[in-house]
Amino acid sequence: MNNMVWLLRAVKWVRNPPSARMVMVVFGVIGAALLLVLLEWLGWWPAWATLEHGRAPRLPR
């Protein structure tokens, strides 16, 4: 993208910042995603929640 577009977005964000609640929601979603990655990395992810390796299902034409 153009640098001027990013500058205009930044100016708009500074003039009208997100609410504290929205910031907490974003951090909550990021934290939940990191927790899931950590659980899988440690091997604590349940087997029933793991997809089987194989061919992906095909949609009918």
PDB file of N, CA and C in Angstrom:
ATOM      1  N   MET A   1       0.831  -1.194   0.000  1.00  0.00           N
ATOM      2  CA  MET A   1       0.000   0.000   0.000  1.00  0.00           C
ATOM      3  C   MET A   1       0.869   1.248   0.000  1.00  0.00           C
ATOM      4  N   ASN A   2       0.225   2.313  -0.271  1.00  0.00           N
ATOM      5  CA  ASN A   2       0.901   3.596  -0.302  1.00  0.00           C
ATOM      6  C   ASN A   2       1.168   4.079   1.130  1.00  0.00           C
ATOM      7  N   ASN A   3       2.322   4.674   1.343  1.00  0.00           N
ATOM      8  CA  ASN A   3       2.661   5.174   2.674  1.00  0.00           C
ATOM      9  C   ASN A   3       1.722   6.285   3.124  1.00  0.00           C
ATOM     10  N   MET A   4       1.233   7.089   2.185  1.00  0.00           N
ATOM     11  CA  MET A   4       0.317   8.167   2.538  1.00  0.00           C
ATOM     12  C   MET A   4      -1.000   7.610   3.071  1.00  0.00           C
ATOM     13  N   VAL A   5      -1.444   6.480   2.529  1.00  0.00           N
ATOM     14  CA  VAL A   5      -2.676   5.854   3.004  1.00  0.00           C
ATOM     15  C   VAL A   5      -2.500   5.426   4.458  1.00  0.00           C
ATOM     16  N   TRP A   6      -1.349   4.830   4.773  1.00  0.00           N
ATOM     17  CA  TRP A   6      -1.097   4.410   6.159  1.00  0.00           C
ATOM     18  C   TRP A   6      -1.008   5.613   7.089  1.00  0.00           C
ATOM     19  N   LEU A   7      -0.434   6.693   6.597  1.00  0.00           N
ATOM     20  CA  LEU A   7      -0.350   7.912   7.400  1.00  0.00           C
ATOM     21  C   LEU A   7      -1.746   8.465   7.675  1.00  0.00           C
ATOM     22  N   LEU A   8      -2.609   8.452   6.694  1.00  0.00           N
ATOM     23  CA  LEU A   8      -3.980   8.930   6.899  1.00  0.00           C
ATOM     24  C   LEU A   8      -4.741   8.028   7.865  1.00  0.00           C
ATOM     25  N   ARG A   9      -4.511   6.720   7.775  1.00  0.00           N
ATOM     26  CA  ARG A   9      -5.150   5.800   8.725  1.00  0.00           C
ATOM     27  C   ARG A   9      -4.676   6.079  10.151  1.00  0.00           C
ATOM     28  N   ALA A  10      -3.377   6.328  10.296  1.00  0.00           N
ATOM     29  CA  ALA A  10      -2.830   6.611  11.617  1.00  0.00           C
ATOM     30  C   ALA A  10      -3.409   7.902  12.186  1.00  0.00           C
ATOM     31  N   VAL A  11      -3.561   8.908  11.348  1.00  0.00           N
ATOM     32  CA  VAL A  11      -4.135  10.178  11.802  1.00  0.00           C
ATOM     33  C   VAL A  11      -5.584   9.971  12.241  1.00  0.00           C
ATOM     34  N   LYS A  12      -6.330   9.194  11.459  1.00  0.00           N
ATOM     35  CA  LYS A  12      -7.723   8.912  11.811  1.00  0.00           C
ATOM     36  C   LYS A  12      -7.799   8.162  13.146  1.00  0.00           C
ATOM     37  N   TRP A  13      -6.872   7.220  13.364  1.00  0.00           N
ATOM     38  CA  TRP A  13      -6.865   6.432  14.592  1.00  0.00           C
ATOM     39  C   TRP A  13      -6.496   7.299  15.803  1.00  0.00           C
ATOM     40  N   VAL A  14      -5.579   8.242  15.601  1.00  0.00           N
ATOM     41  CA  VAL A  14      -5.177   9.135  16.696  1.00  0.00           C
ATOM     42  C   VAL A  14      -6.318  10.074  17.064  1.00  0.00           C
ATOM     43  N   ARG A  15      -7.049  10.535  16.074  1.00  0.00           N
ATOM     44  CA  ARG A  15      -8.168  11.442  16.352  1.00  0.00           C
ATOM     45  C   ARG A  15      -9.352  10.735  16.990  1.00  0.00           C
ATOM     46  N   ASN A  16      -9.543   9.465  16.665  1.00  0.00           N
ATOM     47  CA  ASN A  16     -10.663   8.708  17.200  1.00  0.00           C
ATOM     48  C   ASN A  16     -10.151   7.332  17.645  1.00  0.00           C
ATOM     49  N   PRO A  17      -9.474   7.253  18.790  1.00  0.00           N
ATOM     50  CA  PRO A  17      -8.878   5.984  19.222  1.00  0.00           C
ATOM     51  C   PRO A  17      -9.953   4.980  19.639  1.00  0.00           C
ATOM     52  N   PRO A  18      -9.610   3.689  19.611  1.00  0.00           N
ATOM     53  CA  PRO A  18     -10.566   2.672  20.043  1.00  0.00           C
ATOM     54  C   PRO A  18     -10.802   2.770  21.546  1.00  0.00           C
ATOM     55  N   SER A  19     -11.966   2.292  21.960  1.00  0.00           N
ATOM     56  CA  SER A  19     -12.287   2.328  23.382  1.00  0.00           C
ATOM     57  C   SER A  19     -11.440   1.311  24.137  1.00  0.00           C
ATOM     58  N   ALA A  20     -11.380   1.469  25.446  1.00  0.00           N
ATOM     59  CA  ALA A  20     -10.621   0.537  26.274  1.00  0.00           C
ATOM     60  C   ALA A  20     -11.204  -0.869  26.184  1.00  0.00           C
ATOM     61  N   ARG A  21     -12.520  -0.934  26.044  1.00  0.00           N
ATOM     62  CA  ARG A  21     -13.169  -2.244  25.935  1.00  0.00           C
ATOM     63  C   ARG A  21     -12.728  -2.962  24.651  1.00  0.00           C
ATOM     64  N   MET A  22     -12.642  -2.233  23.542  1.00  0.00           N
ATOM     65  CA  MET A  22     -12.221  -2.845  22.285  1.00  0.00           C
ATOM     66  C   MET A  22     -10.770  -3.314  22.365  1.00  0.00           C
ATOM     67  N   VAL A  23      -9.925  -2.544  23.020  1.00  0.00           N
ATOM     68  CA  VAL A  23      -8.526  -2.937  23.188  1.00  0.00           C
ATOM     69  C   VAL A  23      -8.451  -4.214  24.020  1.00  0.00           C
ATOM     70  N   MET A  24      -9.264  -4.311  25.064  1.00  0.00           N
ATOM     71  CA  MET A  24      -9.263  -5.517  25.898  1.00  0.00           C
ATOM     72  C   MET A  24      -9.785  -6.727  25.117  1.00  0.00           C
ATOM     73  N   VAL A  25     -10.766  -6.530  24.247  1.00  0.00           N
ATOM     74  CA  VAL A  25     -11.278  -7.634  23.424  1.00  0.00           C
ATOM     75  C   VAL A  25     -10.186  -8.144  22.492  1.00  0.00           C
ATOM     76  N   VAL A  26      -9.459  -7.240  21.859  1.00  0.00           N
ATOM     77  CA  VAL A  26      -8.388  -7.633  20.945  1.00  0.00           C
ATOM     78  C   VAL A  26      -7.300  -8.387  21.708  1.00  0.00           C
ATOM     79  N   PHE A  27      -6.896  -7.882  22.863  1.00  0.00           N
ATOM     80  CA  PHE A  27      -5.883  -8.587  23.659  1.00  0.00           C
ATOM     81  C   PHE A  27      -6.396  -9.937  24.145  1.00  0.00           C
ATOM     82  N   GLY A  28      -7.681 -10.040  24.445  1.00  0.00           N
ATOM     83  CA  GLY A  28      -8.264 -11.312  24.857  1.00  0.00           C
ATOM     84  C   GLY A  28      -8.230 -12.347  23.748  1.00  0.00           C
ATOM     85  N   VAL A  29      -8.542 -11.934  22.535  1.00  0.00           N
ATOM     86  CA  VAL A  29      -8.512 -12.848  21.395  1.00  0.00           C
ATOM     87  C   VAL A  29      -7.076 -13.300  21.112  1.00  0.00           C
ATOM     88  N   ILE A  30      -6.139 -12.367  21.162  1.00  0.00           N
ATOM     89  CA  ILE A  30      -4.735 -12.720  20.944  1.00  0.00           C
ATOM     90  C   ILE A  30      -4.259 -13.676  22.036  1.00  0.00           C
ATOM     91  N   GLY A  31      -4.640 -13.414  23.294  1.00  0.00           N
ATOM     92  CA  GLY A  31      -4.256 -14.294  24.396  1.00  0.00           C
ATOM     93  C   GLY A  31      -4.849 -15.688  24.254  1.00  0.00           C
ATOM     94  N   ALA A  32      -6.102 -15.786  23.813  1.00  0.00           N
ATOM     95  CA  ALA A  32      -6.731 -17.098  23.617  1.00  0.00           C
ATOM     96  C   ALA A  32      -6.026 -17.879  22.514  1.00  0.00           C
ATOM     97  N   ALA A  33      -5.660 -17.198  21.446  1.00  0.00           N
ATOM     98  CA  ALA A  33      -4.943 -17.860  20.356  1.00  0.00           C
ATOM     99  C   ALA A  33      -3.580 -18.353  20.822  1.00  0.00           C
ATOM    100  N   LEU A  34      -2.876 -17.541  21.586  1.00  0.00           N
ATOM    101  CA  LEU A  34      -1.572 -17.958  22.111  1.00  0.00           C
ATOM    102  C   LEU A  34      -1.710 -19.132  23.079  1.00  0.00           C
ATOM    103  N   LEU A  35      -2.786 -19.148  23.857  1.00  0.00           N
ATOM    104  CA  LEU A  35      -3.033 -20.258  24.763  1.00  0.00           C
ATOM    105  C   LEU A  35      -3.250 -21.561  23.991  1.00  0.00           C
ATOM    106  N   LEU A  36      -4.015 -21.502  22.913  1.00  0.00           N
ATOM    107  CA  LEU A  36      -4.232 -22.693  22.099  1.00  0.00           C
ATOM    108  C   LEU A  36      -2.936 -23.193  21.471  1.00  0.00           C
ATOM    109  N   VAL A  37      -2.120 -22.283  20.990  1.00  0.00           N
ATOM    110  CA  VAL A  37      -0.823 -22.671  20.414  1.00  0.00           C
ATOM    111  C   VAL A  37       0.060 -23.297  21.485  1.00  0.00           C
ATOM    112  N   LEU A  38       0.067 -22.730  22.670  1.00  0.00           N
ATOM    113  CA  LEU A  38       0.873 -23.277  23.769  1.00  0.00           C
ATOM    114  C   LEU A  38       0.397 -24.668  24.164  1.00  0.00           C
ATOM    115  N   LEU A  39      -0.918 -24.864  24.249  1.00  0.00           N
ATOM    116  CA  LEU A  39      -1.447 -26.181  24.595  1.00  0.00           C
ATOM    117  C   LEU A  39      -1.049 -27.231  23.568  1.00  0.00           C
ATOM    118  N   GLU A  40      -1.113 -26.863  22.296  1.00  0.00           N
ATOM    119  CA  GLU A  40      -0.727 -27.827  21.265  1.00  0.00           C
ATOM    120  C   GLU A  40       0.772 -28.092  21.302  1.00  0.00           C
ATOM    121  N   TRP A  41       1.566 -27.071  21.536  1.00  0.00           N
ATOM    122  CA  TRP A  41       3.026 -27.221  21.575  1.00  0.00           C
ATOM    123  C   TRP A  41       3.461 -28.104  22.739  1.00  0.00           C
ATOM    124  N   LEU A  42       2.769 -27.974  23.880  1.00  0.00           N
ATOM    125  CA  LEU A  42       3.106 -28.789  25.045  1.00  0.00           C
ATOM    126  C   LEU A  42       2.578 -30.218  24.938  1.00  0.00           C
ATOM    127  N   GLY A  43       1.704 -30.468  23.978  1.00  0.00           N
ATOM    128  CA  GLY A  43       1.153 -31.798  23.803  1.00  0.00           C
ATOM    129  C   GLY A  43      -0.079 -32.049  24.644  1.00  0.00           C
ATOM    130  N   TRP A  44      -0.686 -31.017  25.171  1.00  0.00           N
ATOM    131  CA  TRP A  44      -1.871 -31.157  26.014  1.00  0.00           C
ATOM    132  C   TRP A  44      -3.160 -31.006  25.218  1.00  0.00           C
ATOM    133  N   TRP A  45      -3.054 -30.895  23.896  1.00  0.00           N
ATOM    134  CA  TRP A  45      -4.231 -30.755  23.047  1.00  0.00           C
ATOM    135  C   TRP A  45      -4.906 -32.121  22.943  1.00  0.00           C
ATOM    136  N   PRO A  46      -6.223 -32.207  23.183  1.00  0.00           N
ATOM    137  CA  PRO A  46      -6.897 -33.516  23.155  1.00  0.00           C
ATOM    138  C   PRO A  46      -6.923 -34.115  21.751  1.00  0.00           C
ATOM    139  N   ALA A  47      -6.883 -35.446  21.694  1.00  0.00           N
ATOM    140  CA  ALA A  47      -6.865 -36.140  20.403  1.00  0.00           C
ATOM    141  C   ALA A  47      -8.175 -35.944  19.654  1.00  0.00           C
ATOM    142  N   TRP A  48      -9.293 -35.802  20.365  1.00  0.00           N
ATOM    143  CA  TRP A  48     -10.579 -35.654  19.692  1.00  0.00           C
ATOM    144  C   TRP A  48     -10.691 -34.320  18.954  1.00  0.00           C
ATOM    145  N   ALA A  49      -9.852 -33.355  19.307  1.00  0.00           N
ATOM    146  CA  ALA A  49      -9.915 -32.046  18.669  1.00  0.00           C
ATOM    147  C   ALA A  49      -8.911 -31.911  17.524  1.00  0.00           C
ATOM    148  N   THR A  50      -8.190 -32.978  17.205  1.00  0.00           N
ATOM    149  CA  THR A  50      -7.188 -32.943  16.151  1.00  0.00           C
ATOM    150  C   THR A  50      -7.776 -33.504  14.867  1.00  0.00           C
ATOM    151  N   LEU A  51      -7.536 -32.819  13.767  1.00  0.00           N
ATOM    152  CA  LEU A  51      -8.000 -33.299  12.475  1.00  0.00           C
ATOM    153  C   LEU A  51      -7.143 -34.469  12.028  1.00  0.00           C
ATOM    154  N   GLU A  52      -7.775 -35.415  11.352  1.00  0.00           N
ATOM    155  CA  GLU A  52      -7.037 -36.535  10.790  1.00  0.00           C
ATOM    156  C   GLU A  52      -6.297 -36.055   9.554  1.00  0.00           C
ATOM    157  N   HIS A  53      -5.093 -36.594   9.396  1.00  0.00           N
ATOM    158  CA  HIS A  53      -4.326 -36.259   8.196  1.00  0.00           C
ATOM    159  C   HIS A  53      -4.861 -37.114   7.061  1.00  0.00           C
ATOM    160  N   GLY A  54      -5.205 -36.500   6.013  1.00  0.00           N
ATOM    161  CA  GLY A  54      -5.732 -37.212   4.865  1.00  0.00           C
ATOM    162  C   GLY A  54      -6.172 -36.228   3.815  1.00  0.00           C
ATOM    163  N   ARG A  55      -6.902 -36.736   2.889  1.00  0.00           N
ATOM    164  CA  ARG A  55      -7.365 -35.898   1.794  1.00  0.00           C
ATOM    165  C   ARG A  55      -8.517 -35.023   2.268  1.00  0.00           C
ATOM    166  N   ALA A  56      -8.483 -33.793   1.872  1.00  0.00           N
ATOM    167  CA  ALA A  56      -9.549 -32.858   2.242  1.00  0.00           C
ATOM    168  C   ALA A  56     -10.820 -33.222   1.491  1.00  0.00           C
ATOM    169  N   PRO A  57     -11.974 -33.025   2.115  1.00  0.00           N
ATOM    170  CA  PRO A  57     -13.227 -33.349   1.411  1.00  0.00           C
ATOM    171  C   PRO A  57     -13.435 -32.421   0.221  1.00  0.00           C
ATOM    172  N   ARG A  58     -13.971 -32.976  -0.834  1.00  0.00           N
ATOM    173  CA  ARG A  58     -14.224 -32.211  -2.047  1.00  0.00           C
ATOM    174  C   ARG A  58     -15.682 -31.766  -2.074  1.00  0.00           C
ATOM    175  N   LEU A  59     -15.909 -30.572  -2.523  1.00  0.00           N
ATOM    176  CA  LEU A  59     -17.256 -30.076  -2.701  1.00  0.00           C
ATOM    177  C   LEU A  59     -17.819 -30.591  -4.027  1.00  0.00           C
ATOM    178  N   PRO A  60     -19.080 -31.005  -4.028  1.00  0.00           N
ATOM    179  CA  PRO A  60     -19.662 -31.461  -5.301  1.00  0.00           C
ATOM    180  C   PRO A  60     -19.823 -30.297  -6.279  1.00  0.00           C
ATOM    181  N   ARG A  61     -19.658 -30.597  -7.530  1.00  0.00           N
ATOM    182  CA  ARG A  61     -19.784 -29.558  -8.559  1.00  0.00           C
ATOM    183  C   ARG A  61     -21.197 -29.392  -8.993  1.00  0.00           C
TER     184      ARG A  61
END
